[in-house]
Amino acid sequence: MSNDQQDVQQSQRHGRCGRVSRNQEILVKLVFDDGRITHEAAQIAGVIENTARSIINSYIVQTRRRNS
């Protein structure tokens, strides 16, 4: 994947974060932009790990629906 494609995907992710809380935004950025594992990202973002998993799974489902 080219850098331009990565920039577009990153920009799309950041745009979607406008509808979530600050902690959720931090969580999504840590997992998808920084490559952190959910456990670590949850601790940094101050989110319960099971809640973090749910947020990440929902984000993935929404992204797949938009890309279909």
PDB file of N, CA and C in Angstrom:
ATOM      1  N   MET A   1       0.843  -1.171   0.000  1.00  0.00           N
ATOM      2  CA  MET A   1       0.000   0.000   0.000  1.00  0.00           C
ATOM      3  C   MET A   1       0.892   1.240   0.000  1.00  0.00           C
ATOM      4  N   SER A   2       0.558   2.195  -0.851  1.00  0.00           N
ATOM      5  CA  SER A   2       1.377   3.405  -0.946  1.00  0.00           C
ATOM      6  C   SER A   2       1.131   4.334   0.239  1.00  0.00           C
ATOM      7  N   ASN A   3       2.037   5.266   0.419  1.00  0.00           N
ATOM      8  CA  ASN A   3       1.887   6.247   1.496  1.00  0.00           C
ATOM      9  C   ASN A   3       0.629   7.076   1.314  1.00  0.00           C
ATOM     10  N   ASP A   4       0.280   7.397   0.054  1.00  0.00           N
ATOM     11  CA  ASP A   4      -0.933   8.174  -0.204  1.00  0.00           C
ATOM     12  C   ASP A   4      -2.172   7.414   0.248  1.00  0.00           C
ATOM     13  N   GLN A   5      -2.221   6.122  -0.050  1.00  0.00           N
ATOM     14  CA  GLN A   5      -3.360   5.306   0.372  1.00  0.00           C
ATOM     15  C   GLN A   5      -3.438   5.234   1.889  1.00  0.00           C
ATOM     16  N   GLN A   6      -2.297   5.105   2.536  1.00  0.00           N
ATOM     17  CA  GLN A   6      -2.273   5.067   3.994  1.00  0.00           C
ATOM     18  C   GLN A   6      -2.748   6.393   4.573  1.00  0.00           C
ATOM     19  N   ASP A   7      -2.342   7.499   3.961  1.00  0.00           N
ATOM     20  CA  ASP A   7      -2.775   8.820   4.427  1.00  0.00           C
ATOM     21  C   ASP A   7      -4.281   8.982   4.298  1.00  0.00           C
ATOM     22  N   VAL A   8      -4.842   8.500   3.187  1.00  0.00           N
ATOM     23  CA  VAL A   8      -6.290   8.585   2.985  1.00  0.00           C
ATOM     24  C   VAL A   8      -7.011   7.752   4.030  1.00  0.00           C
ATOM     25  N   GLN A   9      -6.550   6.528   4.257  1.00  0.00           N
ATOM     26  CA  GLN A   9      -7.185   5.674   5.258  1.00  0.00           C
ATOM     27  C   GLN A   9      -7.087   6.291   6.641  1.00  0.00           C
ATOM     28  N   GLN A  10      -5.944   6.847   6.978  1.00  0.00           N
ATOM     29  CA  GLN A  10      -5.769   7.468   8.285  1.00  0.00           C
ATOM     30  C   GLN A  10      -6.699   8.672   8.414  1.00  0.00           C
ATOM     31  N   SER A  11      -6.822   9.459   7.369  1.00  0.00           N
ATOM     32  CA  SER A  11      -7.706  10.619   7.387  1.00  0.00           C
ATOM     33  C   SER A  11      -9.155  10.184   7.565  1.00  0.00           C
ATOM     34  N   GLN A  12      -9.563   9.115   6.903  1.00  0.00           N
ATOM     35  CA  GLN A  12     -10.924   8.602   7.041  1.00  0.00           C
ATOM     36  C   GLN A  12     -11.175   8.136   8.463  1.00  0.00           C
ATOM     37  N   ARG A  13     -10.204   7.472   9.066  1.00  0.00           N
ATOM     38  CA  ARG A  13     -10.362   7.015  10.449  1.00  0.00           C
ATOM     39  C   ARG A  13     -10.533   8.202  11.378  1.00  0.00           C
ATOM     40  N   HIS A  14      -9.742   9.225  11.175  1.00  0.00           N
ATOM     41  CA  HIS A  14      -9.802  10.392  12.052  1.00  0.00           C
ATOM     42  C   HIS A  14     -11.129  11.109  11.884  1.00  0.00           C
ATOM     43  N   GLY A  15     -11.659  11.145  10.671  1.00  0.00           N
ATOM     44  CA  GLY A  15     -12.949  11.779  10.436  1.00  0.00           C
ATOM     45  C   GLY A  15     -14.070  11.059  11.149  1.00  0.00           C
ATOM     46  N   ARG A  16     -14.010   9.765  11.198  1.00  0.00           N
ATOM     47  CA  ARG A  16     -15.034   8.979  11.878  1.00  0.00           C
ATOM     48  C   ARG A  16     -14.982   9.173  13.382  1.00  0.00           C
ATOM     49  N   CYS A  17     -13.847   9.564  13.888  1.00  0.00           N
ATOM     50  CA  CYS A  17     -13.700   9.747  15.332  1.00  0.00           C
ATOM     51  C   CYS A  17     -14.499  10.937  15.836  1.00  0.00           C
ATOM     52  N   GLY A  18     -15.035  11.754  14.945  1.00  0.00           N
ATOM     53  CA  GLY A  18     -15.815  12.906  15.360  1.00  0.00           C
ATOM     54  C   GLY A  18     -17.095  12.532  16.082  1.00  0.00           C
ATOM     55  N   ARG A  19     -17.518  11.290  15.980  1.00  0.00           N
ATOM     56  CA  ARG A  19     -18.771  10.843  16.580  1.00  0.00           C
ATOM     57  C   ARG A  19     -18.565  10.030  17.853  1.00  0.00           C
ATOM     58  N   VAL A  20     -17.385  10.011  18.380  1.00  0.00           N
ATOM     59  CA  VAL A  20     -17.107   9.204  19.571  1.00  0.00           C
ATOM     60  C   VAL A  20     -16.471  10.061  20.660  1.00  0.00           C
ATOM     61  N   SER A  21     -16.421   9.516  21.867  1.00  0.00           N
ATOM     62  CA  SER A  21     -15.815  10.246  22.980  1.00  0.00           C
ATOM     63  C   SER A  21     -14.305  10.370  22.778  1.00  0.00           C
ATOM     64  N   ARG A  22     -13.720  11.238  23.545  1.00  0.00           N
ATOM     65  CA  ARG A  22     -12.264  11.455  23.461  1.00  0.00           C
ATOM     66  C   ARG A  22     -11.499  10.165  23.780  1.00  0.00           C
ATOM     67  N   ASN A  23     -11.938   9.420  24.794  1.00  0.00           N
ATOM     68  CA  ASN A  23     -11.260   8.164  25.140  1.00  0.00           C
ATOM     69  C   ASN A  23     -11.376   7.147  24.011  1.00  0.00           C
ATOM     70  N   GLN A  24     -12.540   7.098  23.361  1.00  0.00           N
ATOM     71  CA  GLN A  24     -12.715   6.178  22.246  1.00  0.00           C
ATOM     72  C   GLN A  24     -11.823   6.585  21.074  1.00  0.00           C
ATOM     73  N   GLU A  25     -11.729   7.873  20.835  1.00  0.00           N
ATOM     74  CA  GLU A  25     -10.867   8.374  19.765  1.00  0.00           C
ATOM     75  C   GLU A  25      -9.413   7.986  20.024  1.00  0.00           C
ATOM     76  N   ILE A  26      -8.973   8.179  21.249  1.00  0.00           N
ATOM     77  CA  ILE A  26      -7.603   7.808  21.629  1.00  0.00           C
ATOM     78  C   ILE A  26      -7.391   6.311  21.418  1.00  0.00           C
ATOM     79  N   LEU A  27      -8.355   5.511  21.849  1.00  0.00           N
ATOM     80  CA  LEU A  27      -8.272   4.058  21.714  1.00  0.00           C
ATOM     81  C   LEU A  27      -8.119   3.650  20.249  1.00  0.00           C
ATOM     82  N   VAL A  28      -8.981   4.170  19.387  1.00  0.00           N
ATOM     83  CA  VAL A  28      -8.944   3.821  17.963  1.00  0.00           C
ATOM     84  C   VAL A  28      -7.610   4.234  17.343  1.00  0.00           C
ATOM     85  N   LYS A  29      -7.138   5.421  17.670  1.00  0.00           N
ATOM     86  CA  LYS A  29      -5.860   5.881  17.114  1.00  0.00           C
ATOM     87  C   LYS A  29      -4.697   5.022  17.600  1.00  0.00           C
ATOM     88  N   LEU A  30      -4.723   4.638  18.872  1.00  0.00           N
ATOM     89  CA  LEU A  30      -3.642   3.801  19.403  1.00  0.00           C
ATOM     90  C   LEU A  30      -3.601   2.439  18.711  1.00  0.00           C
ATOM     91  N   VAL A  31      -4.767   1.857  18.473  1.00  0.00           N
ATOM     92  CA  VAL A  31      -4.818   0.522  17.863  1.00  0.00           C
ATOM     93  C   VAL A  31      -4.499   0.588  16.373  1.00  0.00           C
ATOM     94  N   PHE A  32      -5.167   1.483  15.643  1.00  0.00           N
ATOM     95  CA  PHE A  32      -5.051   1.466  14.185  1.00  0.00           C
ATOM     96  C   PHE A  32      -3.914   2.321  13.642  1.00  0.00           C
ATOM     97  N   ASP A  33      -3.555   3.385  14.327  1.00  0.00           N
ATOM     98  CA  ASP A  33      -2.468   4.237  13.830  1.00  0.00           C
ATOM     99  C   ASP A  33      -1.119   3.846  14.418  1.00  0.00           C
ATOM    100  N   ASP A  34      -1.109   3.545  15.716  1.00  0.00           N
ATOM    101  CA  ASP A  34       0.151   3.231  16.395  1.00  0.00           C
ATOM    102  C   ASP A  34       0.443   1.735  16.463  1.00  0.00           C
ATOM    103  N   GLY A  35      -0.553   0.897  16.141  1.00  0.00           N
ATOM    104  CA  GLY A  35      -0.345  -0.544  16.141  1.00  0.00           C
ATOM    105  C   GLY A  35      -0.294  -1.179  17.524  1.00  0.00           C
ATOM    106  N   ARG A  36      -0.867  -0.513  18.515  1.00  0.00           N
ATOM    107  CA  ARG A  36      -0.877  -1.066  19.880  1.00  0.00           C
ATOM    108  C   ARG A  36      -1.895  -2.199  19.976  1.00  0.00           C
ATOM    109  N   ILE A  37      -1.662  -3.125  20.906  1.00  0.00           N
ATOM    110  CA  ILE A  37      -2.645  -4.171  21.152  1.00  0.00           C
ATOM    111  C   ILE A  37      -3.769  -3.576  22.002  1.00  0.00           C
ATOM    112  N   THR A  38      -4.933  -4.201  21.940  1.00  0.00           N
ATOM    113  CA  THR A  38      -6.114  -3.662  22.619  1.00  0.00           C
ATOM    114  C   THR A  38      -5.882  -3.497  24.112  1.00  0.00           C
ATOM    115  N   HIS A  39      -5.253  -4.473  24.744  1.00  0.00           N
ATOM    116  CA  HIS A  39      -4.997  -4.410  26.189  1.00  0.00           C
ATOM    117  C   HIS A  39      -4.206  -3.154  26.545  1.00  0.00           C
ATOM    118  N   GLU A  40      -3.138  -2.927  25.828  1.00  0.00           N
ATOM    119  CA  GLU A  40      -2.279  -1.774  26.094  1.00  0.00           C
ATOM    120  C   GLU A  40      -3.002  -0.460  25.779  1.00  0.00           C
ATOM    121  N   ALA A  41      -3.694  -0.422  24.642  1.00  0.00           N
ATOM    122  CA  ALA A  41      -4.414   0.794  24.249  1.00  0.00           C
ATOM    123  C   ALA A  41      -5.506   1.135  25.253  1.00  0.00           C
ATOM    124  N   ALA A  42      -6.182   0.117  25.776  1.00  0.00           N
ATOM    125  CA  ALA A  42      -7.240   0.339  26.767  1.00  0.00           C
ATOM    126  C   ALA A  42      -6.670   0.977  28.028  1.00  0.00           C
ATOM    127  N   GLN A  43      -5.534   0.499  28.471  1.00  0.00           N
ATOM    128  CA  GLN A  43      -4.903   1.069  29.664  1.00  0.00           C
ATOM    129  C   GLN A  43      -4.527   2.531  29.441  1.00  0.00           C
ATOM    130  N   ILE A  44      -3.955   2.829  28.295  1.00  0.00           N
ATOM    131  CA  ILE A  44      -3.533   4.194  27.992  1.00  0.00           C
ATOM    132  C   ILE A  44      -4.744   5.124  27.873  1.00  0.00           C
ATOM    133  N   ALA A  45      -5.802   4.636  27.214  1.00  0.00           N
ATOM    134  CA  ALA A  45      -6.988   5.462  26.967  1.00  0.00           C
ATOM    135  C   ALA A  45      -7.904   5.555  28.183  1.00  0.00           C
ATOM    136  N   GLY A  46      -7.655   4.730  29.187  1.00  0.00           N
ATOM    137  CA  GLY A  46      -8.499   4.749  30.376  1.00  0.00           C
ATOM    138  C   GLY A  46      -9.852   4.106  30.148  1.00  0.00           C
ATOM    139  N   VAL A  47      -9.859   3.038  29.345  1.00  0.00           N
ATOM    140  CA  VAL A  47     -11.084   2.317  29.013  1.00  0.00           C
ATOM    141  C   VAL A  47     -10.945   0.888  29.516  1.00  0.00           C
ATOM    142  N   ILE A  48     -12.028   0.326  30.049  1.00  0.00           N
ATOM    143  CA  ILE A  48     -12.022  -1.076  30.477  1.00  0.00           C
ATOM    144  C   ILE A  48     -11.729  -1.946  29.255  1.00  0.00           C
ATOM    145  N   GLU A  49     -10.911  -2.978  29.437  1.00  0.00           N
ATOM    146  CA  GLU A  49     -10.447  -3.778  28.297  1.00  0.00           C
ATOM    147  C   GLU A  49     -11.594  -4.394  27.499  1.00  0.00           C
ATOM    148  N   ASN A  50     -12.594  -4.964  28.166  1.00  0.00           N
ATOM    149  CA  ASN A  50     -13.721  -5.552  27.426  1.00  0.00           C
ATOM    150  C   ASN A  50     -14.489  -4.488  26.647  1.00  0.00           C
ATOM    151  N   THR A  51     -14.620  -3.316  27.225  1.00  0.00           N
ATOM    152  CA  THR A  51     -15.264  -2.205  26.523  1.00  0.00           C
ATOM    153  C   THR A  51     -14.423  -1.805  25.318  1.00  0.00           C
ATOM    154  N   ALA A  52     -13.117  -1.779  25.493  1.00  0.00           N
ATOM    155  CA  ALA A  52     -12.210  -1.441  24.393  1.00  0.00           C
ATOM    156  C   ALA A  52     -12.364  -2.432  23.247  1.00  0.00           C
ATOM    157  N   ARG A  53     -12.447  -3.700  23.561  1.00  0.00           N
ATOM    158  CA  ARG A  53     -12.640  -4.722  22.513  1.00  0.00           C
ATOM    159  C   ARG A  53     -13.936  -4.473  21.752  1.00  0.00           C
ATOM    160  N   SER A  54     -14.986  -4.149  22.492  1.00  0.00           N
ATOM    161  CA  SER A  54     -16.281  -3.870  21.875  1.00  0.00           C
ATOM    162  C   SER A  54     -16.200  -2.649  20.957  1.00  0.00           C
ATOM    163  N   ILE A  55     -15.537  -1.610  21.410  1.00  0.00           N
ATOM    164  CA  ILE A  55     -15.379  -0.391  20.606  1.00  0.00           C
ATOM    165  C   ILE A  55     -14.612  -0.700  19.323  1.00  0.00           C
ATOM    166  N   ILE A  56     -13.520  -1.439  19.450  1.00  0.00           N
ATOM    167  CA  ILE A  56     -12.696  -1.784  18.285  1.00  0.00           C
ATOM    168  C   ILE A  56     -13.487  -2.659  17.318  1.00  0.00           C
ATOM    169  N   ASN A  57     -14.201  -3.662  17.834  1.00  0.00           N
ATOM    170  CA  ASN A  57     -15.005  -4.532  16.968  1.00  0.00           C
ATOM    171  C   ASN A  57     -16.087  -3.744  16.243  1.00  0.00           C
ATOM    172  N   SER A  58     -16.749  -2.832  16.940  1.00  0.00           N
ATOM    173  CA  SER A  58     -17.775  -1.995  16.311  1.00  0.00           C
ATOM    174  C   SER A  58     -17.169  -1.126  15.220  1.00  0.00           C
ATOM    175  N   TYR A  59     -16.009  -0.587  15.494  1.00  0.00           N
ATOM    176  CA  TYR A  59     -15.318   0.249  14.516  1.00  0.00           C
ATOM    177  C   TYR A  59     -14.989  -0.556  13.257  1.00  0.00           C
ATOM    178  N   ILE A  60     -14.519  -1.776  13.433  1.00  0.00           N
ATOM    179  CA  ILE A  60     -14.184  -2.639  12.293  1.00  0.00           C
ATOM    180  C   ILE A  60     -15.433  -2.941  11.472  1.00  0.00           C
ATOM    181  N   VAL A  61     -16.530  -3.285  12.139  1.00  0.00           N
ATOM    182  CA  VAL A  61     -17.782  -3.598  11.442  1.00  0.00           C
ATOM    183  C   VAL A  61     -18.262  -2.383  10.649  1.00  0.00           C
ATOM    184  N   GLN A  62     -18.249  -1.212  11.262  1.00  0.00           N
ATOM    185  CA  GLN A  62     -18.685   0.009  10.577  1.00  0.00           C
ATOM    186  C   GLN A  62     -17.803   0.307   9.374  1.00  0.00           C
ATOM    187  N   THR A  63     -16.511   0.113   9.521  1.00  0.00           N
ATOM    188  CA  THR A  63     -15.577   0.367   8.428  1.00  0.00           C
ATOM    189  C   THR A  63     -15.838  -0.585   7.273  1.00  0.00           C
ATOM    190  N   ARG A  64     -16.080  -1.847   7.572  1.00  0.00           N
ATOM    191  CA  ARG A  64     -16.361  -2.834   6.516  1.00  0.00           C
ATOM    192  C   ARG A  64     -17.654  -2.499   5.788  1.00  0.00           C
ATOM    193  N   ARG A  65     -18.671  -2.061   6.533  1.00  0.00           N
ATOM    194  CA  ARG A  65     -19.948  -1.699   5.901  1.00  0.00           C
ATOM    195  C   ARG A  65     -19.764  -0.528   4.953  1.00  0.00           C
ATOM    196  N   ARG A  66     -18.978   0.441   5.360  1.00  0.00           N
ATOM    197  CA  ARG A  66     -18.761   1.625   4.522  1.00  0.00           C
ATOM    198  C   ARG A  66     -17.947   1.286   3.276  1.00  0.00           C
ATOM    199  N   ASN A  67     -17.091   0.291   3.381  1.00  0.00           N
ATOM    200  CA  ASN A  67     -16.231  -0.075   2.256  1.00  0.00           C
ATOM    201  C   ASN A  67     -16.860  -1.117   1.343  1.00  0.00           C
ATOM    202  N   SER A  68     -18.052  -1.589   1.686  1.00  0.00           N
ATOM    203  CA  SER A  68     -18.714  -2.617   0.862  1.00  0.00           C
ATOM    204  C   SER A  68     -19.476  -1.996  -0.285  1.00  0.00           C
TER     205      SER A  68
END
